[in-house]
Structure formats: C-alpha cells, structure tokens
Amino acid sequence: MVSAYAQMIGQSYLRTVVGPIVRDICLDDRSVEVDPAKIKQGTSSDIDKNAQHLLAHAQILLERIVSSIASTPLPLREICYYFSTIVKARFPDHWHIAIGGFFFLRFVCPACVAPEGCNIMTEVPSPETRRSLVLVTKVLQNLANGQEFTGKEEYMKFANSFITQ
C-alpha cells in the first residue's frame, strides 16, 4: 500500500530524477553483463570493462538521487522519517536499512527495472537493456540493504567495494 502510494505521488520525481539516467543506460550500447554464464559464446566481452560500466551507471544514479533530496516529494520524505523513527526505537543501528529498503527497493528500483510501467519511457526495453537495468538495481539494492554480494552471485563480488565505501 505504501509502495503504491509512493509510486503515485513520486511519478514526477521518478521522471525527472531517475528517468534521464535510465534512458542513458538504455541508450548505452556498452555491455554491463558480468555473469560469465550469460555472456554469449564467441563475443569479445571483457567482464572487467563491463563491471566498470555497471558501477559507473550505479554511481551516477546514486549521485543523482542523493543530490535530489530537496526535490523529493514531501510525503515521501515524511514516510522515510516515520520509518526511521519507528525503526530507531527498536533497532537503533538499522534505521538506514528501513529507509533504503523503502526508498530504493520499493520506489526507485522498480522504476528502473520497468521504466515503461512508471511512465519514465514509453517503449519497452530490449531483454539485453532490461538485464543492464536489473544489474544496476542489484547493486543499488545491496547498497540500500548494506549487504555485500556472496555465494550465489559470486560474479557480483566486484561491487562489494562500492557497497562498503
């Protein structure tokens, strides 16, 4: 319910703040695929370069969001404040995860992965482009959760330095 409300009141924010970066990612023909199992046989894809491109996109999106705090709709800021107050009372060291979980996982990342569903774009991204958007959001989700990549996503471990900085 809160996520739907955030999407409704945050449409303009998503279009103006997140939209340009998502469109840039969609127009960028450089690969960000870092999973060796998903790289097509016979291509000259360099995983290290792809990882650099992926982190660059994540950094730009994060910087754009951080620099737009003042233009974040007031109701969204109030929800974040409410979440932080409630979580701080029970878990004083984890309030930032609650805010990140709401803001990134429930608001920003869904708009990045499905920009056509949030009126950021009218066209549906290609499967390769959607994969790029998914990889960028994986980095942001783990950053929001304060979780490093481990085990099943071994191929994403290069992003751990981005998450812990």
Protein backbone atom coordinates (compact mmCIF):
# COMPACT_ATOMS: atom_id res chain seq x y z
CA MET A 1 0.00 0.00 0.00
CA VAL A 2 2.79 2.41 0.94
CA SER A 3 4.70 1.41 -2.20
CA ALA A 4 1.70 2.15 -4.41
CA TYR A 5 1.23 5.50 -2.70
CA ALA A 6 4.91 6.33 -3.21
CA GLN A 7 4.67 5.44 -6.91
CA MET A 8 1.59 7.63 -7.26
CA ILE A 9 3.00 10.74 -5.57
CA GLY A 10 6.51 10.21 -6.89
CA GLN A 11 5.79 9.95 -10.64
CA SER A 12 7.19 13.38 -11.43
CA TYR A 13 10.26 12.77 -9.27
CA LEU A 14 10.96 9.46 -10.99
CA ARG A 15 10.58 11.02 -14.44
CA THR A 16 12.85 13.98 -13.71
CA VAL A 17 15.48 12.44 -11.43
CA VAL A 18 15.65 8.74 -12.30
CA GLY A 19 14.35 8.95 -15.88
CA PRO A 20 17.36 10.61 -17.55
CA ILE A 21 19.79 8.07 -16.08
CA VAL A 22 17.57 5.13 -17.02
CA ARG A 23 17.27 6.48 -20.56
CA ASP A 24 21.07 6.91 -20.73
CA ILE A 25 21.54 3.29 -19.63
CA CYS A 26 19.03 2.18 -22.28
CA LEU A 27 20.87 4.12 -24.99
CA ASP A 28 24.34 2.97 -23.92
CA ASP A 29 25.42 0.12 -26.17
CA ARG A 30 28.29 -0.90 -23.89
CA SER A 31 27.68 -4.18 -22.11
CA VAL A 32 27.39 -4.34 -18.34
CA GLU A 33 26.94 -8.12 -18.22
CA VAL A 34 29.21 -9.56 -15.56
CA ASP A 35 27.81 -13.08 -15.22
CA PRO A 36 30.13 -15.38 -17.21
CA ALA A 37 27.21 -17.79 -17.70
CA LYS A 38 25.21 -15.08 -19.53
CA ILE A 39 27.94 -13.82 -21.83
CA LYS A 40 27.40 -15.20 -25.29
CA GLN A 41 29.97 -17.60 -26.65
CA GLY A 42 32.20 -16.05 -29.27
CA THR A 43 31.78 -12.45 -28.11
CA SER A 44 34.73 -10.41 -27.02
CA SER A 45 33.05 -9.19 -23.87
CA ASP A 46 35.51 -8.09 -21.21
CA ILE A 47 33.99 -8.69 -17.77
CA ASP A 48 36.29 -6.15 -16.09
CA LYS A 49 35.21 -3.39 -18.50
CA ASN A 50 31.58 -4.42 -18.13
CA ALA A 51 31.94 -4.20 -14.34
CA GLN A 52 33.40 -0.69 -14.66
CA HIS A 53 30.47 0.38 -16.84
CA LEU A 54 28.00 -1.16 -14.41
CA LEU A 55 29.49 0.61 -11.40
CA ALA A 56 29.66 3.89 -13.33
CA HIS A 57 25.91 3.68 -14.04
CA ALA A 58 25.17 2.81 -10.41
CA GLN A 59 27.35 5.70 -9.18
CA ILE A 60 25.70 8.22 -11.48
CA LEU A 61 22.22 7.09 -10.46
CA LEU A 62 23.12 7.18 -6.76
CA GLU A 63 24.67 10.66 -7.05
CA ARG A 64 21.61 11.91 -8.91
CA ILE A 65 19.30 10.59 -6.19
CA VAL A 66 21.43 11.96 -3.33
CA SER A 67 21.66 15.38 -4.97
CA SER A 68 17.87 15.47 -5.42
CA ILE A 69 16.88 15.04 -1.78
CA ALA A 70 15.45 18.56 -1.65
CA SER A 71 13.20 17.81 -4.63
CA THR A 72 11.95 14.51 -3.22
CA PRO A 73 8.20 14.88 -2.67
CA LEU A 74 7.47 15.89 0.92
CA PRO A 75 5.14 12.91 1.56
CA LEU A 76 7.99 10.53 0.63
CA ARG A 77 10.36 12.32 2.97
CA GLU A 78 7.72 12.12 5.70
CA ILE A 79 7.31 8.37 5.14
CA CYS A 80 11.09 7.94 5.39
CA TYR A 81 11.14 9.99 8.59
CA TYR A 82 8.32 7.90 10.05
CA PHE A 83 10.11 4.65 9.17
CA SER A 84 13.36 5.91 10.68
CA THR A 85 11.63 6.96 13.91
CA ILE A 86 9.89 3.63 14.37
CA VAL A 87 12.93 1.53 13.47
CA LYS A 88 15.33 3.61 15.59
CA ALA A 89 13.18 2.92 18.65
CA ARG A 90 13.65 -0.84 18.31
CA PHE A 91 16.81 -1.20 16.21
CA PRO A 92 18.91 1.97 16.62
CA ASP A 93 21.70 0.78 14.34
CA HIS A 94 19.49 -0.29 11.44
CA TRP A 95 17.21 2.65 10.66
CA HIS A 96 19.06 3.39 7.41
CA ILE A 97 18.21 -0.09 6.10
CA ALA A 98 14.50 0.59 6.64
CA ILE A 99 14.71 3.85 4.70
CA GLY A 100 16.87 2.31 1.97
CA GLY A 101 14.54 -0.66 1.77
CA PHE A 102 11.56 1.56 1.22
CA PHE A 103 13.11 4.25 -0.96
CA PHE A 104 15.27 2.07 -3.18
CA LEU A 105 13.65 -1.36 -3.10
CA ARG A 106 10.05 -0.21 -3.25
CA PHE A 107 10.31 3.05 -5.15
CA VAL A 108 13.44 3.66 -7.25
CA CYS A 109 14.47 0.15 -8.30
CA PRO A 110 11.06 -0.95 -9.66
CA ALA A 111 11.01 2.21 -11.79
CA CYS A 112 14.50 1.42 -13.08
CA VAL A 113 13.74 -2.19 -13.96
CA ALA A 114 10.38 -1.43 -15.59
CA PRO A 115 10.60 2.18 -16.79
CA GLU A 116 7.72 1.66 -19.19
CA GLY A 117 5.42 0.87 -16.26
CA CYS A 118 6.30 4.08 -14.41
CA ASN A 119 5.97 6.47 -17.35
CA ILE A 120 9.72 7.03 -17.50
CA MET A 121 9.78 5.57 -21.02
CA THR A 122 7.08 4.66 -23.48
CA GLU A 123 8.94 1.85 -25.22
CA VAL A 124 9.67 -1.50 -23.61
CA PRO A 125 13.41 -2.09 -23.14
CA SER A 126 15.00 -4.97 -25.03
CA PRO A 127 15.93 -8.06 -22.99
CA GLU A 128 19.61 -7.00 -23.03
CA THR A 129 18.74 -3.50 -21.87
CA ARG A 130 16.41 -4.83 -19.19
CA ARG A 131 19.28 -7.03 -17.97
CA SER A 132 21.50 -3.92 -17.72
CA LEU A 133 18.82 -2.18 -15.67
CA VAL A 134 18.46 -5.24 -13.44
CA LEU A 135 22.20 -5.36 -12.78
CA VAL A 136 22.32 -1.67 -11.86
CA THR A 137 19.41 -2.16 -9.46
CA LYS A 138 21.08 -5.23 -7.90
CA VAL A 139 23.99 -3.01 -6.94
CA LEU A 140 21.68 -0.31 -5.53
CA GLN A 141 19.55 -2.85 -3.66
CA ASN A 142 22.56 -4.38 -1.96
CA LEU A 143 23.85 -0.90 -1.16
CA ALA A 144 20.47 0.02 0.38
CA ASN A 145 20.47 -3.20 2.43
CA GLY A 146 24.11 -2.85 3.42
CA GLN A 147 24.70 -6.36 2.10
CA GLU A 148 27.76 -7.46 0.20
CA PHE A 149 27.40 -9.94 -2.65
CA THR A 150 28.24 -13.52 -1.67
CA GLY A 151 27.71 -17.13 -2.71
CA LYS A 152 25.09 -17.46 -5.41
CA GLU A 153 26.01 -14.14 -7.01
CA GLU A 154 29.74 -14.65 -6.91
CA TYR A 155 30.05 -12.78 -10.21
CA MET A 156 28.83 -9.57 -8.48
CA LYS A 157 31.51 -9.56 -5.76
CA PHE A 158 33.45 -6.86 -7.62
CA ALA A 159 30.70 -4.43 -6.48
CA ASN A 160 31.36 -5.05 -2.78
CA SER A 161 33.89 -2.21 -2.63
CA PHE A 162 31.19 0.14 -3.99
CA ILE A 163 28.76 -1.09 -1.34
CA THR A 164 31.16 -0.74 1.58
CA GLN A 165 32.66 2.66 0.71
